[in-house]
Amino acid sequence: MKTIVTTDAANATPTTSVDEPDPTNYVLRLYVAGTTQRSTRAIVNIKKICEEHLQGHYDLQVIDIYQQPVLAGGEQIIAVPTLIKKLPPLLRRIIGDLSDHDRVLIGLDLKPTR
């Protein structure tokens, strides 16, 4: 998210406005179920993909549906692990442990489809 600080020339006081999220930043939510092997693999895999391909231009939130079931309800999670790409548009859902890196990159629009 960009924060812009400008100065009001008449009053010489700085004003701050917050723009929409930067479209180059990815907003990702990974829904997992506890500390199962599959959930742990999904967390490791998405962190690796983000560090290799997004280099700090992402916000990754890991949500355990056992600890925060209300957050999963609004997203209509039917299987876990599920990765949801909120931004940039288009919204995408990827289900599984994210071990198929090519499929994940295509789902995140980081690699063209074959």
Protein backbone atom coordinates (compact mmCIF):
# COMPACT_ATOMS: atom_id res chain seq x y z
CA MET A 1 0.00 0.00 0.00
CA LYS A 2 1.38 3.40 -0.91
CA THR A 3 1.21 6.28 1.53
CA ILE A 4 1.51 9.72 -0.01
CA VAL A 5 2.50 12.72 2.07
CA THR A 6 1.77 16.12 0.55
CA THR A 7 2.02 19.64 1.90
CA ASP A 8 -0.92 22.01 1.82
CA ALA A 9 0.61 25.18 0.40
CA ALA A 10 -1.88 27.49 2.13
CA ASN A 11 -1.32 26.08 5.61
CA ALA A 12 2.15 24.58 5.13
CA THR A 13 0.99 21.49 6.97
CA PRO A 14 1.63 17.98 5.71
CA THR A 15 -1.37 15.85 4.87
CA THR A 16 -1.33 12.11 4.41
CA SER A 17 -3.49 10.04 2.10
CA VAL A 18 -3.48 6.32 1.56
CA ASP A 19 -3.95 5.00 -1.97
CA GLU A 20 -5.36 1.66 -3.01
CA PRO A 21 -2.99 -1.30 -2.60
CA ASP A 22 -0.14 -1.32 -5.09
CA PRO A 23 -1.23 -3.55 -8.00
CA THR A 24 2.24 -5.09 -8.12
CA ASN A 25 1.80 -6.39 -4.58
CA TYR A 26 0.16 -9.75 -4.12
CA VAL A 27 -2.31 -10.35 -1.32
CA LEU A 28 -2.44 -14.08 -0.57
CA ARG A 29 -4.33 -16.09 2.04
CA LEU A 30 -3.45 -19.69 2.74
CA TYR A 31 -6.06 -21.68 4.65
CA VAL A 32 -4.72 -24.73 6.47
CA ALA A 33 -6.04 -27.26 9.00
CA GLY A 34 -3.73 -27.45 11.99
CA THR A 35 -0.19 -28.75 11.69
CA THR A 36 -0.78 -31.71 9.40
CA GLN A 37 1.98 -32.73 6.98
CA ARG A 38 -0.07 -31.41 4.08
CA SER A 39 -0.62 -28.04 5.76
CA THR A 40 3.04 -27.74 6.71
CA ARG A 41 4.13 -28.59 3.13
CA ALA A 42 1.75 -25.97 1.74
CA ILE A 43 3.18 -23.29 4.04
CA VAL A 44 6.77 -24.15 3.14
CA ASN A 45 5.97 -24.31 -0.58
CA ILE A 46 4.13 -20.97 -0.79
CA LYS A 47 6.82 -19.18 1.23
CA LYS A 48 9.48 -20.53 -1.12
CA ILE A 49 7.50 -19.51 -4.21
CA CYS A 50 6.86 -16.03 -2.81
CA GLU A 51 10.50 -15.43 -1.92
CA GLU A 52 11.74 -16.68 -5.30
CA HIS A 53 9.18 -14.97 -7.53
CA LEU A 54 7.69 -12.03 -5.65
CA GLN A 55 10.73 -10.84 -3.63
CA GLY A 56 8.94 -8.84 -0.96
CA HIS A 57 6.01 -7.74 -3.12
CA TYR A 58 3.48 -9.85 -1.30
CA ASP A 59 1.41 -10.09 1.84
CA LEU A 60 0.91 -13.71 2.87
CA GLN A 61 -1.57 -14.55 5.61
CA VAL A 62 -1.73 -18.14 6.90
CA ILE A 63 -5.07 -18.94 8.52
CA ASP A 64 -5.63 -22.11 10.51
CA ILE A 65 -9.32 -22.95 10.15
CA TYR A 66 -9.25 -24.83 13.47
CA GLN A 67 -8.15 -21.68 15.31
CA GLN A 68 -10.12 -19.14 13.24
CA PRO A 69 -13.12 -20.93 11.67
CA VAL A 70 -15.04 -17.70 11.15
CA LEU A 71 -12.41 -16.44 8.67
CA ALA A 72 -12.82 -19.57 6.57
CA GLY A 73 -16.61 -19.32 6.48
CA GLY A 74 -16.67 -16.10 4.51
CA GLU A 75 -14.32 -17.52 1.90
CA GLN A 76 -16.38 -20.68 1.30
CA ILE A 77 -13.42 -22.99 1.97
CA ILE A 78 -14.39 -26.55 1.07
CA ALA A 79 -10.94 -28.19 1.17
CA VAL A 80 -7.61 -27.40 2.77
CA PRO A 81 -4.97 -26.33 2.14
CA THR A 82 -6.46 -23.62 -0.10
CA LEU A 83 -4.50 -20.63 -1.37
CA ILE A 84 -6.54 -17.59 -2.38
CA LYS A 85 -4.99 -14.80 -4.44
CA LYS A 86 -6.97 -11.69 -3.52
CA LEU A 87 -4.82 -9.16 -5.37
CA PRO A 88 -3.94 -8.38 -8.06
CA PRO A 89 -7.19 -9.26 -9.85
CA LEU A 90 -8.44 -11.87 -10.86
CA LEU A 91 -9.25 -13.75 -7.68
CA ARG A 92 -7.81 -17.28 -7.85
CA ARG A 93 -8.05 -20.39 -5.65
CA ILE A 94 -5.47 -23.16 -5.62
CA ILE A 95 -6.21 -26.28 -3.60
CA GLY A 96 -3.55 -28.70 -2.39
CA ASP A 97 -0.10 -28.67 -0.83
CA LEU A 98 1.25 -26.34 -3.57
CA SER A 99 4.03 -28.76 -4.48
CA ASP A 100 3.32 -28.40 -8.22
CA HIS A 101 5.20 -25.11 -8.52
CA ASP A 102 4.35 -24.65 -12.21
CA ARG A 103 0.64 -24.95 -11.46
CA VAL A 104 0.94 -22.46 -8.59
CA LEU A 105 2.90 -19.98 -10.74
CA ILE A 106 0.24 -20.22 -13.47
CA GLY A 107 -2.49 -19.76 -10.85
CA LEU A 108 -0.75 -16.65 -9.53
CA ASP A 109 -0.33 -15.30 -13.08
CA LEU A 110 3.46 -15.44 -12.70
CA LYS A 111 3.89 -17.87 -15.59
CA PRO A 112 1.97 -18.02 -18.85
CA THR A 113 -0.27 -21.00 -19.48
CA ARG A 114 1.10 -23.70 -21.71
